[in-house]
Amino acid sequence: MPNQFDFIAIEGVIGAGKTSLAKLIAESSNARLVLEEFEENPFLPQFYENRERYAFQTQLSFLASRFKQQQRMLSRDLFDGGIVSDYMFEKDRIFARLNLGEDEMNLYDNIYNIMTGISAKPDLVIYLQSNVDRLMENIEQRGRDYERHITPDYLQELSNAYNQFFYHYNKAPLMIINSSEIDFVNNPNHLSYIEEQIFIQPIRSNTHIHIIPD
């Protein structure tokens, strides 16, 4: 399908299906796929075991990794044919506000505010909403060892933080997809419906679209 956007970013809570949808959209639009390099964060397994102790190290590691990747994405050649990514740089602060103490957050913001001004900006953001039961089911199915400590309470905290962030988000057209009851990986009709909304239907600036296919 023809891609009218140079940069599509797909967001959502852990287990919402961001990477799966990004891969499918990139393939159908012949765009370059950019995936978050979360597995390279050496602090992530310890963070899920002890959030308070390892939150700051984990967050700074993610911030540095994401910023380096964003800088590579700003290459003009990289945008030929468009980019589809399974995250947006601004999501980093959602986790920071949830996990860091006041002093740590102040230090984090000093660094983040410099980086965010020179990061790649998406032309379309797709937010995958999902209930906690579905998120837990998806996390269990993919069976990552370091995610076994993720709790429903933490996912609910994240969901609340994401909903609050995107309720106020207006920096790019925003498409909201309720992914709790759909299966765009295994149901071609669900995927086709989503692709139609992205590539065929006009999307106006600051328009929120809720997609719940039959």
N, C-alpha and C. Protein backbone atom coordinates (compact mmCIF):
# COMPACT_ATOMS: atom_id res chain seq x y z
N MET A 1 0.84 -1.20 0.00
CA MET A 1 0.00 0.00 0.00
C MET A 1 0.87 1.25 0.00
N PRO A 2 0.44 2.32 -0.69
CA PRO A 2 1.22 3.57 -0.66
C PRO A 2 1.22 4.18 0.71
N ASN A 3 2.36 4.70 1.14
CA ASN A 3 2.50 5.25 2.47
C ASN A 3 2.56 6.76 2.39
N GLN A 4 1.55 7.44 2.99
CA GLN A 4 1.51 8.90 2.95
C GLN A 4 2.31 9.54 4.07
N PHE A 5 2.88 8.71 4.94
CA PHE A 5 3.61 9.22 6.10
C PHE A 5 5.09 8.83 6.01
N ASP A 6 5.97 9.79 6.33
CA ASP A 6 7.40 9.48 6.37
C ASP A 6 7.74 8.64 7.59
N PHE A 7 7.04 8.86 8.71
CA PHE A 7 7.40 8.20 9.96
C PHE A 7 6.14 7.88 10.74
N ILE A 8 5.84 6.59 10.88
CA ILE A 8 4.72 6.12 11.69
C ILE A 8 5.29 5.48 12.95
N ALA A 9 4.84 5.94 14.11
CA ALA A 9 5.26 5.35 15.38
C ALA A 9 4.08 4.65 16.02
N ILE A 10 4.30 3.41 16.46
CA ILE A 10 3.25 2.63 17.10
C ILE A 10 3.59 2.48 18.58
N GLU A 11 2.62 2.83 19.43
CA GLU A 11 2.85 2.83 20.87
C GLU A 11 1.80 2.02 21.61
N GLY A 12 2.10 1.72 22.86
CA GLY A 12 1.20 0.98 23.72
C GLY A 12 1.95 0.38 24.88
N VAL A 13 1.22 -0.10 25.86
CA VAL A 13 1.80 -0.70 27.05
C VAL A 13 2.48 -2.03 26.68
N ILE A 14 3.36 -2.50 27.53
CA ILE A 14 4.04 -3.78 27.35
C ILE A 14 3.01 -4.87 27.04
N GLY A 15 3.19 -5.57 25.91
CA GLY A 15 2.30 -6.66 25.55
C GLY A 15 1.12 -6.25 24.70
N ALA A 16 1.05 -4.97 24.29
CA ALA A 16 -0.10 -4.50 23.50
C ALA A 16 -0.04 -4.95 22.05
N GLY A 17 1.14 -5.34 21.56
CA GLY A 17 1.27 -5.78 20.18
C GLY A 17 1.96 -4.77 19.27
N LYS A 18 2.73 -3.84 19.86
CA LYS A 18 3.38 -2.79 19.09
C LYS A 18 4.30 -3.36 18.00
N THR A 19 5.18 -4.27 18.41
CA THR A 19 6.16 -4.81 17.47
C THR A 19 5.49 -5.62 16.38
N SER A 20 4.50 -6.41 16.74
CA SER A 20 3.79 -7.22 15.75
C SER A 20 3.12 -6.34 14.70
N LEU A 21 2.43 -5.29 15.14
CA LEU A 21 1.75 -4.41 14.19
C LEU A 21 2.76 -3.62 13.36
N ALA A 22 3.85 -3.17 13.99
CA ALA A 22 4.87 -2.43 13.24
C ALA A 22 5.45 -3.27 12.11
N LYS A 23 5.73 -4.53 12.38
CA LYS A 23 6.26 -5.42 11.35
C LYS A 23 5.27 -5.59 10.20
N LEU A 24 4.00 -5.77 10.53
CA LEU A 24 2.98 -5.97 9.50
C LEU A 24 2.77 -4.72 8.66
N ILE A 25 2.72 -3.56 9.31
CA ILE A 25 2.51 -2.30 8.58
C ILE A 25 3.72 -1.98 7.71
N ALA A 26 4.92 -2.20 8.24
CA ALA A 26 6.13 -1.94 7.45
C ALA A 26 6.18 -2.83 6.22
N GLU A 27 5.79 -4.08 6.39
CA GLU A 27 5.81 -5.01 5.25
C GLU A 27 4.80 -4.62 4.18
N SER A 28 3.59 -4.25 4.60
CA SER A 28 2.55 -3.93 3.62
C SER A 28 2.81 -2.62 2.91
N SER A 29 3.56 -1.69 3.54
CA SER A 29 3.82 -0.39 2.94
C SER A 29 5.23 -0.28 2.39
N ASN A 30 6.00 -1.36 2.46
CA ASN A 30 7.37 -1.38 1.97
C ASN A 30 8.21 -0.29 2.65
N ALA A 31 7.98 -0.10 3.95
CA ALA A 31 8.72 0.90 4.72
C ALA A 31 9.85 0.24 5.49
N ARG A 32 10.77 1.05 5.96
CA ARG A 32 11.86 0.55 6.78
C ARG A 32 11.36 0.34 8.21
N LEU A 33 11.67 -0.80 8.78
CA LEU A 33 11.23 -1.14 10.13
C LEU A 33 12.31 -0.78 11.14
N VAL A 34 11.94 -0.04 12.16
CA VAL A 34 12.86 0.33 13.24
C VAL A 34 12.25 -0.16 14.55
N LEU A 35 12.94 -1.08 15.21
CA LEU A 35 12.44 -1.67 16.45
C LEU A 35 13.25 -1.20 17.64
N GLU A 36 12.56 -1.04 18.77
CA GLU A 36 13.23 -0.64 20.00
C GLU A 36 14.21 -1.72 20.44
N GLU A 37 15.39 -1.31 20.89
CA GLU A 37 16.45 -2.26 21.25
C GLU A 37 16.42 -2.52 22.75
N PHE A 38 15.26 -2.94 23.25
CA PHE A 38 15.09 -3.09 24.70
C PHE A 38 15.91 -4.23 25.27
N GLU A 39 16.18 -5.26 24.46
CA GLU A 39 16.91 -6.42 24.98
C GLU A 39 18.38 -6.11 25.25
N GLU A 40 18.85 -4.96 24.76
CA GLU A 40 20.24 -4.58 25.00
C GLU A 40 20.42 -3.83 26.31
N ASN A 41 19.33 -3.56 27.03
CA ASN A 41 19.42 -2.86 28.31
C ASN A 41 19.84 -3.86 29.39
N PRO A 42 21.06 -3.73 29.93
CA PRO A 42 21.55 -4.72 30.89
C PRO A 42 20.84 -4.67 32.24
N PHE A 43 20.10 -3.59 32.51
CA PHE A 43 19.45 -3.44 33.81
C PHE A 43 18.01 -3.94 33.82
N LEU A 44 17.46 -4.27 32.65
CA LEU A 44 16.04 -4.58 32.57
C LEU A 44 15.62 -5.79 33.43
N PRO A 45 16.35 -6.90 33.39
CA PRO A 45 15.93 -8.03 34.24
C PRO A 45 15.91 -7.68 35.73
N GLN A 46 16.94 -6.94 36.19
CA GLN A 46 16.96 -6.54 37.60
C GLN A 46 15.83 -5.57 37.93
N PHE A 47 15.48 -4.71 36.95
CA PHE A 47 14.40 -3.75 37.18
C PHE A 47 13.09 -4.45 37.49
N TYR A 48 12.76 -5.48 36.73
CA TYR A 48 11.49 -6.18 36.95
C TYR A 48 11.49 -6.94 38.28
N GLU A 49 12.67 -7.23 38.81
CA GLU A 49 12.74 -7.88 40.11
C GLU A 49 12.70 -6.88 41.25
N ASN A 50 13.28 -5.68 41.02
CA ASN A 50 13.35 -4.66 42.07
C ASN A 50 13.27 -3.28 41.41
N ARG A 51 12.06 -2.79 41.21
CA ARG A 51 11.84 -1.54 40.49
C ARG A 51 12.54 -0.36 41.16
N GLU A 52 12.40 -0.25 42.46
CA GLU A 52 12.92 0.91 43.17
C GLU A 52 14.44 1.01 43.07
N ARG A 53 15.11 -0.11 43.17
CA ARG A 53 16.57 -0.10 43.18
C ARG A 53 17.16 0.16 41.80
N TYR A 54 16.53 -0.40 40.76
CA TYR A 54 17.15 -0.36 39.42
C TYR A 54 16.45 0.57 38.44
N ALA A 55 15.47 1.35 38.90
CA ALA A 55 14.71 2.19 37.99
C ALA A 55 15.58 3.24 37.30
N PHE A 56 16.43 3.92 38.06
CA PHE A 56 17.20 5.03 37.48
C PHE A 56 18.20 4.53 36.44
N GLN A 57 18.93 3.45 36.79
CA GLN A 57 19.90 2.90 35.83
C GLN A 57 19.19 2.41 34.56
N THR A 58 18.07 1.75 34.76
CA THR A 58 17.32 1.23 33.62
C THR A 58 16.84 2.36 32.73
N GLN A 59 16.33 3.43 33.35
CA GLN A 59 15.77 4.53 32.58
C GLN A 59 16.83 5.28 31.80
N LEU A 60 17.99 5.52 32.41
CA LEU A 60 19.06 6.23 31.69
C LEU A 60 19.62 5.38 30.56
N SER A 61 19.69 4.07 30.77
CA SER A 61 20.16 3.19 29.72
C SER A 61 19.22 3.22 28.53
N PHE A 62 17.92 3.17 28.80
CA PHE A 62 16.93 3.27 27.73
C PHE A 62 17.01 4.62 27.03
N LEU A 63 17.14 5.68 27.79
CA LEU A 63 17.18 7.02 27.21
C LEU A 63 18.35 7.16 26.26
N ALA A 64 19.53 6.69 26.68
CA ALA A 64 20.71 6.79 25.82
C ALA A 64 20.55 5.94 24.56
N SER A 65 20.05 4.72 24.72
CA SER A 65 19.88 3.83 23.58
C SER A 65 18.87 4.38 22.59
N ARG A 66 17.73 4.86 23.11
CA ARG A 66 16.69 5.39 22.23
C ARG A 66 17.16 6.64 21.51
N PHE A 67 17.93 7.48 22.20
CA PHE A 67 18.41 8.70 21.56
C PHE A 67 19.39 8.39 20.43
N LYS A 68 20.30 7.46 20.65
CA LYS A 68 21.23 7.07 19.59
C LYS A 68 20.48 6.55 18.37
N GLN A 69 19.44 5.75 18.62
CA GLN A 69 18.66 5.21 17.52
C GLN A 69 17.89 6.32 16.80
N GLN A 70 17.37 7.28 17.56
CA GLN A 70 16.67 8.40 16.96
C GLN A 70 17.60 9.22 16.06
N GLN A 71 18.81 9.38 16.49
CA GLN A 71 19.77 10.13 15.68
C GLN A 71 20.05 9.43 14.36
N ARG A 72 20.15 8.12 14.39
CA ARG A 72 20.33 7.37 13.13
C ARG A 72 19.10 7.51 12.24
N MET A 73 17.93 7.59 12.85
CA MET A 73 16.70 7.71 12.07
C MET A 73 16.59 9.04 11.36
N LEU A 74 17.29 10.06 11.82
CA LEU A 74 17.23 11.37 11.19
C LEU A 74 17.98 11.44 9.87
N SER A 75 18.71 10.38 9.53
CA SER A 75 19.38 10.33 8.24
C SER A 75 18.36 10.43 7.12
N ARG A 76 18.60 11.28 6.14
CA ARG A 76 17.67 11.47 5.04
C ARG A 76 17.45 10.17 4.27
N ASP A 77 18.52 9.40 4.08
CA ASP A 77 18.39 8.15 3.33
C ASP A 77 17.46 7.17 4.03
N LEU A 78 17.44 7.23 5.35
CA LEU A 78 16.63 6.28 6.11
C LEU A 78 15.15 6.50 5.87
N PHE A 79 14.77 7.74 5.54
CA PHE A 79 13.36 8.04 5.35
C PHE A 79 12.87 7.70 3.95
N ASP A 80 13.74 7.30 3.04
CA ASP A 80 13.30 6.88 1.71
C ASP A 80 12.36 5.68 1.84
N GLY A 81 11.13 5.85 1.40
CA GLY A 81 10.15 4.77 1.53
C GLY A 81 9.41 4.78 2.85
N GLY A 82 9.82 5.64 3.78
CA GLY A 82 9.14 5.76 5.05
C GLY A 82 9.70 4.85 6.13
N ILE A 83 9.37 5.18 7.37
CA ILE A 83 9.79 4.42 8.54
C ILE A 83 8.56 4.03 9.34
N VAL A 84 8.55 2.81 9.84
CA VAL A 84 7.56 2.37 10.82
C VAL A 84 8.33 1.87 12.03
N SER A 85 8.03 2.43 13.19
CA SER A 85 8.75 2.09 14.42
C SER A 85 7.76 1.59 15.48
N ASP A 86 8.25 0.74 16.38
CA ASP A 86 7.39 0.23 17.44
C ASP A 86 7.53 1.05 18.74
N TYR A 87 8.00 2.28 18.61
CA TYR A 87 8.02 3.17 19.78
C TYR A 87 8.23 4.60 19.31
N MET A 88 7.93 5.56 20.19
CA MET A 88 8.25 6.96 19.96
C MET A 88 9.11 7.43 21.13
N PHE A 89 10.02 8.37 20.85
CA PHE A 89 11.00 8.77 21.86
C PHE A 89 10.33 9.31 23.12
N GLU A 90 9.22 10.01 22.97
CA GLU A 90 8.58 10.64 24.12
C GLU A 90 8.03 9.63 25.12
N LYS A 91 7.86 8.36 24.70
CA LYS A 91 7.36 7.35 25.64
C LYS A 91 8.32 7.15 26.80
N ASP A 92 9.59 7.48 26.62
CA ASP A 92 10.58 7.26 27.66
C ASP A 92 10.18 7.98 28.95
N ARG A 93 9.62 9.16 28.80
CA ARG A 93 9.28 9.95 29.99
C ARG A 93 8.06 9.39 30.72
N ILE A 94 7.20 8.65 30.02
CA ILE A 94 6.07 8.01 30.68
C ILE A 94 6.58 7.05 31.75
N PHE A 95 7.56 6.23 31.38
CA PHE A 95 8.13 5.28 32.32
C PHE A 95 8.92 6.00 33.41
N ALA A 96 9.62 7.06 33.04
CA ALA A 96 10.42 7.79 34.02
C ALA A 96 9.54 8.37 35.13
N ARG A 97 8.45 8.99 34.75
CA ARG A 97 7.57 9.59 35.75
C ARG A 97 6.93 8.55 36.65
N LEU A 98 6.75 7.36 36.13
CA LEU A 98 6.13 6.29 36.90
C LEU A 98 7.11 5.65 37.88
N ASN A 99 8.39 5.61 37.51
CA ASN A 99 9.35 4.80 38.26
C ASN A 99 10.40 5.58 39.05
N LEU A 100 10.61 6.85 38.76
CA LEU A 100 11.70 7.59 39.40
C LEU A 100 11.20 8.45 40.56
N GLY A 101 12.10 8.64 41.54
CA GLY A 101 11.82 9.56 42.63
C GLY A 101 12.01 10.99 42.17
N GLU A 102 11.69 11.94 43.04
CA GLU A 102 11.70 13.35 42.66
C GLU A 102 13.08 13.82 42.23
N ASP A 103 14.12 13.54 43.01
CA ASP A 103 15.46 13.99 42.66
C ASP A 103 15.95 13.33 41.38
N GLU A 104 15.67 12.03 41.23
CA GLU A 104 16.06 11.33 40.02
C GLU A 104 15.32 11.89 38.81
N MET A 105 14.06 12.22 38.99
CA MET A 105 13.27 12.76 37.89
C MET A 105 13.79 14.11 37.44
N ASN A 106 14.21 14.94 38.38
CA ASN A 106 14.76 16.24 38.02
C ASN A 106 16.03 16.10 37.19
N LEU A 107 16.90 15.17 37.60
CA LEU A 107 18.12 14.93 36.84
C LEU A 107 17.79 14.36 35.46
N TYR A 108 16.87 13.40 35.44
CA TYR A 108 16.44 12.81 34.18
C TYR A 108 15.91 13.88 33.22
N ASP A 109 15.07 14.78 33.73
CA ASP A 109 14.47 15.80 32.87
C ASP A 109 15.51 16.73 32.27
N ASN A 110 16.57 17.02 33.02
CA ASN A 110 17.64 17.87 32.47
C ASN A 110 18.24 17.25 31.22
N ILE A 111 18.39 15.95 31.24
CA ILE A 111 18.96 15.25 30.08
C ILE A 111 17.91 15.07 28.98
N TYR A 112 16.71 14.65 29.39
CA TYR A 112 15.64 14.37 28.42
C TYR A 112 15.27 15.62 27.62
N ASN A 113 15.19 16.77 28.28
CA ASN A 113 14.76 17.99 27.59
C ASN A 113 15.73 18.41 26.49
N ILE A 114 16.99 18.08 26.65
CA ILE A 114 17.97 18.35 25.59
C ILE A 114 17.75 17.40 24.42
N MET A 115 17.57 16.13 24.75
CA MET A 115 17.47 15.10 23.71
C MET A 115 16.19 15.18 22.90
N THR A 116 15.07 15.45 23.57
CA THR A 116 13.79 15.40 22.87
C THR A 116 13.67 16.46 21.80
N GLY A 117 14.40 17.57 21.96
CA GLY A 117 14.34 18.63 20.97
C GLY A 117 15.00 18.27 19.65
N ILE A 118 15.85 17.26 19.66
CA ILE A 118 16.55 16.87 18.43
C ILE A 118 16.32 15.40 18.09
N SER A 119 15.16 14.88 18.50
CA SER A 119 14.80 13.50 18.16
C SER A 119 13.87 13.51 16.95
N ALA A 120 13.72 12.35 16.32
CA ALA A 120 12.85 12.23 15.16
C ALA A 120 11.39 12.38 15.59
N LYS A 121 10.60 13.09 14.77
CA LYS A 121 9.20 13.35 15.09
C LYS A 121 8.29 12.56 14.16
N PRO A 122 7.39 11.75 14.70
CA PRO A 122 6.49 10.96 13.85
C PRO A 122 5.46 11.83 13.14
N ASP A 123 5.02 11.37 11.97
CA ASP A 123 3.94 12.04 11.23
C ASP A 123 2.59 11.44 11.58
N LEU A 124 2.60 10.25 12.14
CA LEU A 124 1.38 9.58 12.61
C LEU A 124 1.75 8.72 13.80
N VAL A 125 0.95 8.78 14.87
CA VAL A 125 1.14 7.93 16.04
C VAL A 125 -0.07 7.01 16.16
N ILE A 126 0.20 5.73 16.32
CA ILE A 126 -0.86 4.74 16.55
C ILE A 126 -0.71 4.23 17.97
N TYR A 127 -1.76 4.41 18.76
CA TYR A 127 -1.73 3.99 20.16
C TYR A 127 -2.62 2.76 20.32
N LEU A 128 -2.02 1.64 20.72
CA LEU A 128 -2.75 0.41 20.96
C LEU A 128 -3.19 0.35 22.42
N GLN A 129 -4.48 0.51 22.65
CA GLN A 129 -5.02 0.35 23.99
C GLN A 129 -5.40 -1.11 24.22
N SER A 130 -5.25 -1.57 25.45
CA SER A 130 -5.62 -2.95 25.75
C SER A 130 -5.90 -3.07 27.24
N ASN A 131 -6.78 -4.01 27.59
CA ASN A 131 -7.03 -4.23 29.01
C ASN A 131 -5.91 -5.09 29.60
N VAL A 132 -5.81 -5.09 30.92
CA VAL A 132 -4.70 -5.75 31.60
C VAL A 132 -4.73 -7.26 31.38
N ASP A 133 -5.91 -7.85 31.35
CA ASP A 133 -6.00 -9.30 31.13
C ASP A 133 -5.38 -9.69 29.80
N ARG A 134 -5.67 -8.94 28.76
CA ARG A 134 -5.11 -9.24 27.44
C ARG A 134 -3.60 -9.00 27.43
N LEU A 135 -3.15 -7.97 28.11
CA LEU A 135 -1.72 -7.69 28.18
C LEU A 135 -0.98 -8.84 28.86
N MET A 136 -1.51 -9.30 29.98
CA MET A 136 -0.89 -10.41 30.71
C MET A 136 -0.88 -11.67 29.85
N GLU A 137 -1.95 -11.91 29.13
CA GLU A 137 -2.02 -13.08 28.26
C GLU A 137 -0.94 -13.02 27.18
N ASN A 138 -0.77 -11.86 26.56
CA ASN A 138 0.24 -11.71 25.51
C ASN A 138 1.65 -11.86 26.07
N ILE A 139 1.89 -11.31 27.26
CA ILE A 139 3.21 -11.41 27.88
C ILE A 139 3.54 -12.85 28.22
N GLU A 140 2.57 -13.57 28.73
CA GLU A 140 2.79 -14.98 29.07
C GLU A 140 3.04 -15.81 27.82
N GLN A 141 2.34 -15.52 26.74
CA GLN A 141 2.49 -16.30 25.51
C GLN A 141 3.87 -16.13 24.90
N ARG A 142 4.46 -14.95 24.99
CA ARG A 142 5.78 -14.77 24.37
C ARG A 142 6.91 -15.29 25.26
N GLY A 143 6.65 -15.48 26.54
CA GLY A 143 7.54 -16.24 27.40
C GLY A 143 8.93 -15.70 27.61
N ARG A 144 9.08 -14.38 27.69
CA ARG A 144 10.39 -13.81 27.99
C ARG A 144 10.68 -13.97 29.48
N ASP A 145 11.81 -14.55 29.80
CA ASP A 145 12.11 -14.89 31.18
C ASP A 145 12.12 -13.68 32.08
N TYR A 146 12.69 -12.56 31.62
CA TYR A 146 12.82 -11.40 32.49
C TYR A 146 11.48 -10.67 32.69
N GLU A 147 10.44 -11.05 31.95
CA GLU A 147 9.14 -10.41 32.12
C GLU A 147 8.23 -11.17 33.09
N ARG A 148 8.72 -12.26 33.64
CA ARG A 148 7.87 -13.09 34.51
C ARG A 148 7.50 -12.37 35.80
N HIS A 149 8.25 -11.30 36.16
CA HIS A 149 7.96 -10.57 37.38
C HIS A 149 6.97 -9.42 37.16
N ILE A 150 6.55 -9.19 35.92
CA ILE A 150 5.59 -8.12 35.65
C ILE A 150 4.24 -8.48 36.28
N THR A 151 3.66 -7.56 37.00
CA THR A 151 2.41 -7.82 37.70
C THR A 151 1.26 -7.07 37.03
N PRO A 152 0.03 -7.55 37.24
CA PRO A 152 -1.14 -6.81 36.74
C PRO A 152 -1.22 -5.39 37.28
N ASP A 153 -0.81 -5.19 38.53
CA ASP A 153 -0.85 -3.85 39.12
C ASP A 153 0.08 -2.89 38.36
N TYR A 154 1.29 -3.38 38.00
CA TYR A 154 2.22 -2.54 37.27
C TYR A 154 1.68 -2.21 35.89
N LEU A 155 1.07 -3.19 35.22
CA LEU A 155 0.49 -2.95 33.91
C LEU A 155 -0.66 -1.95 33.99
N GLN A 156 -1.43 -2.01 35.07
CA GLN A 156 -2.51 -1.04 35.23
C GLN A 156 -1.96 0.36 35.44
N GLU A 157 -0.88 0.47 36.22
CA GLU A 157 -0.22 1.76 36.39
C GLU A 157 0.24 2.31 35.04
N LEU A 158 0.87 1.44 34.25
CA LEU A 158 1.34 1.86 32.94
C LEU A 158 0.18 2.29 32.05
N SER A 159 -0.87 1.51 32.05
CA SER A 159 -2.04 1.83 31.22
C SER A 159 -2.61 3.19 31.58
N ASN A 160 -2.72 3.46 32.86
CA ASN A 160 -3.23 4.76 33.30
C ASN A 160 -2.31 5.89 32.83
N ALA A 161 -1.00 5.67 32.94
CA ALA A 161 -0.04 6.69 32.53
C ALA A 161 -0.09 6.93 31.02
N TYR A 162 -0.19 5.85 30.25
CA TYR A 162 -0.29 5.97 28.79
C TYR A 162 -1.57 6.70 28.39
N ASN A 163 -2.69 6.33 29.02
CA ASN A 163 -3.95 6.98 28.68
C ASN A 163 -3.90 8.46 28.98
N GLN A 164 -3.28 8.81 30.09
CA GLN A 164 -3.15 10.22 30.46
C GLN A 164 -2.28 10.96 29.44
N PHE A 165 -1.18 10.33 29.03
CA PHE A 165 -0.27 10.96 28.08
C PHE A 165 -0.97 11.21 26.75
N PHE A 166 -1.65 10.20 26.23
CA PHE A 166 -2.25 10.34 24.91
C PHE A 166 -3.55 11.13 24.94
N TYR A 167 -4.16 11.27 26.09
CA TYR A 167 -5.32 12.14 26.20
C TYR A 167 -4.94 13.58 25.86
N HIS A 168 -3.71 13.95 26.22
CA HIS A 168 -3.24 15.32 25.99
C HIS A 168 -2.34 15.43 24.75
N TYR A 169 -2.07 14.34 24.07
CA TYR A 169 -1.11 14.37 22.97
C TYR A 169 -1.69 15.08 21.75
N ASN A 170 -0.95 16.05 21.17
CA ASN A 170 -1.43 16.77 20.00
C ASN A 170 -0.31 17.16 19.04
N LYS A 171 0.82 16.46 19.13
CA LYS A 171 1.97 16.83 18.30
C LYS A 171 1.94 16.19 16.92
N ALA A 172 1.06 15.20 16.72
CA ALA A 172 0.91 14.54 15.43
C ALA A 172 -0.47 13.90 15.39
N PRO A 173 -1.00 13.60 14.21
CA PRO A 173 -2.26 12.86 14.15
C PRO A 173 -2.16 11.58 14.97
N LEU A 174 -3.20 11.30 15.73
CA LEU A 174 -3.20 10.16 16.65
C LEU A 174 -4.33 9.22 16.30
N MET A 175 -4.00 7.95 16.10
CA MET A 175 -4.99 6.90 15.87
C MET A 175 -4.99 5.97 17.07
N ILE A 176 -6.14 5.79 17.68
CA ILE A 176 -6.26 4.93 18.85
C ILE A 176 -6.98 3.65 18.46
N ILE A 177 -6.34 2.51 18.71
CA ILE A 177 -6.91 1.22 18.37
C ILE A 177 -7.14 0.42 19.65
N ASN A 178 -8.36 0.01 19.87
CA ASN A 178 -8.67 -0.87 20.99
C ASN A 178 -8.28 -2.29 20.58
N SER A 179 -7.17 -2.77 21.11
CA SER A 179 -6.64 -4.07 20.69
C SER A 179 -7.00 -5.20 21.64
N SER A 180 -7.89 -4.93 22.60
CA SER A 180 -8.25 -5.96 23.58
C SER A 180 -9.00 -7.12 22.94
N GLU A 181 -9.87 -6.81 21.97
CA GLU A 181 -10.75 -7.83 21.41
C GLU A 181 -10.47 -8.12 19.94
N ILE A 182 -9.34 -7.67 19.42
CA ILE A 182 -9.02 -7.94 18.01
C ILE A 182 -7.71 -8.72 17.92
N ASP A 183 -7.48 -9.28 16.74
CA ASP A 183 -6.27 -10.09 16.52
C ASP A 183 -5.74 -9.79 15.13
N PHE A 184 -4.97 -8.70 15.01
CA PHE A 184 -4.47 -8.31 13.69
C PHE A 184 -3.33 -9.20 13.21
N VAL A 185 -2.81 -10.05 14.09
CA VAL A 185 -1.76 -10.99 13.68
C VAL A 185 -2.35 -12.18 12.95
N ASN A 186 -3.43 -12.72 13.46
CA ASN A 186 -3.99 -13.95 12.92
C ASN A 186 -5.29 -13.75 12.13
N ASN A 187 -5.88 -12.57 12.21
CA ASN A 187 -7.13 -12.30 11.49
C ASN A 187 -6.86 -11.27 10.40
N PRO A 188 -6.81 -11.70 9.13
CA PRO A 188 -6.51 -10.78 8.02
C PRO A 188 -7.52 -9.64 7.91
N ASN A 189 -8.78 -9.88 8.28
CA ASN A 189 -9.78 -8.83 8.20
C ASN A 189 -9.49 -7.70 9.17
N HIS A 190 -9.03 -8.04 10.35
CA HIS A 190 -8.68 -7.00 11.33
C HIS A 190 -7.50 -6.17 10.84
N LEU A 191 -6.49 -6.84 10.30
CA LEU A 191 -5.33 -6.11 9.78
C LEU A 191 -5.72 -5.23 8.59
N SER A 192 -6.53 -5.75 7.69
CA SER A 192 -6.95 -4.98 6.53
C SER A 192 -7.73 -3.73 6.94
N TYR A 193 -8.55 -3.87 7.96
CA TYR A 193 -9.32 -2.74 8.46
C TYR A 193 -8.39 -1.64 8.97
N ILE A 194 -7.39 -2.05 9.74
CA ILE A 194 -6.43 -1.08 10.27
C ILE A 194 -5.64 -0.42 9.14
N GLU A 195 -5.17 -1.21 8.19
CA GLU A 195 -4.39 -0.66 7.07
C GLU A 195 -5.22 0.31 6.25
N GLU A 196 -6.50 0.04 6.09
CA GLU A 196 -7.38 0.94 5.35
C GLU A 196 -7.46 2.30 6.03
N GLN A 197 -7.57 2.27 7.36
CA GLN A 197 -7.65 3.53 8.11
C GLN A 197 -6.35 4.33 8.00
N ILE A 198 -5.23 3.63 7.92
CA ILE A 198 -3.94 4.32 7.87
C ILE A 198 -3.65 4.86 6.47
N PHE A 199 -3.86 4.03 5.46
CA PHE A 199 -3.35 4.35 4.12
C PHE A 199 -4.41 4.87 3.15
N ILE A 200 -5.68 4.66 3.44
CA ILE A 200 -6.72 5.05 2.49
C ILE A 200 -7.57 6.19 3.01
N GLN A 201 -8.03 6.09 4.26
CA GLN A 201 -8.87 7.13 4.83
C GLN A 201 -8.03 8.36 5.16
N PRO A 202 -8.55 9.57 4.89
CA PRO A 202 -7.79 10.77 5.24
C PRO A 202 -7.69 10.93 6.75
N ILE A 203 -6.51 11.26 7.23
CA ILE A 203 -6.29 11.48 8.66
C ILE A 203 -5.89 12.93 8.85
N ARG A 204 -6.73 13.69 9.53
CA ARG A 204 -6.47 15.11 9.74
C ARG A 204 -5.64 15.31 11.01
N SER A 205 -4.95 16.43 11.05
CA SER A 205 -4.12 16.73 12.21
C SER A 205 -4.95 16.79 13.48
N ASN A 206 -4.41 16.22 14.56
CA ASN A 206 -5.05 16.23 15.88
C ASN A 206 -6.41 15.54 15.89
N THR A 207 -6.56 14.52 15.05
CA THR A 207 -7.79 13.75 15.02
C THR A 207 -7.58 12.43 15.75
N HIS A 208 -8.46 12.13 16.67
CA HIS A 208 -8.39 10.87 17.40
C HIS A 208 -9.40 9.90 16.79
N ILE A 209 -8.92 8.74 16.38
CA ILE A 209 -9.78 7.76 15.73
C ILE A 209 -9.76 6.47 16.53
N HIS A 210 -10.90 6.02 16.97
CA HIS A 210 -11.01 4.76 17.68
C HIS A 210 -11.43 3.68 16.70
N ILE A 211 -10.65 2.63 16.57
CA ILE A 211 -10.92 1.56 15.62
C ILE A 211 -11.26 0.30 16.38
N ILE A 212 -12.49 -0.18 16.21
CA ILE A 212 -12.90 -1.44 16.81
C ILE A 212 -13.56 -2.26 15.71
N PRO A 213 -12.79 -3.04 14.95
CA PRO A 213 -13.37 -3.83 13.86
C PRO A 213 -14.36 -4.86 14.38
N ASP A 214 -15.31 -5.22 13.53
CA ASP A 214 -16.26 -6.28 13.87
C ASP A 214 -15.55 -7.62 13.97
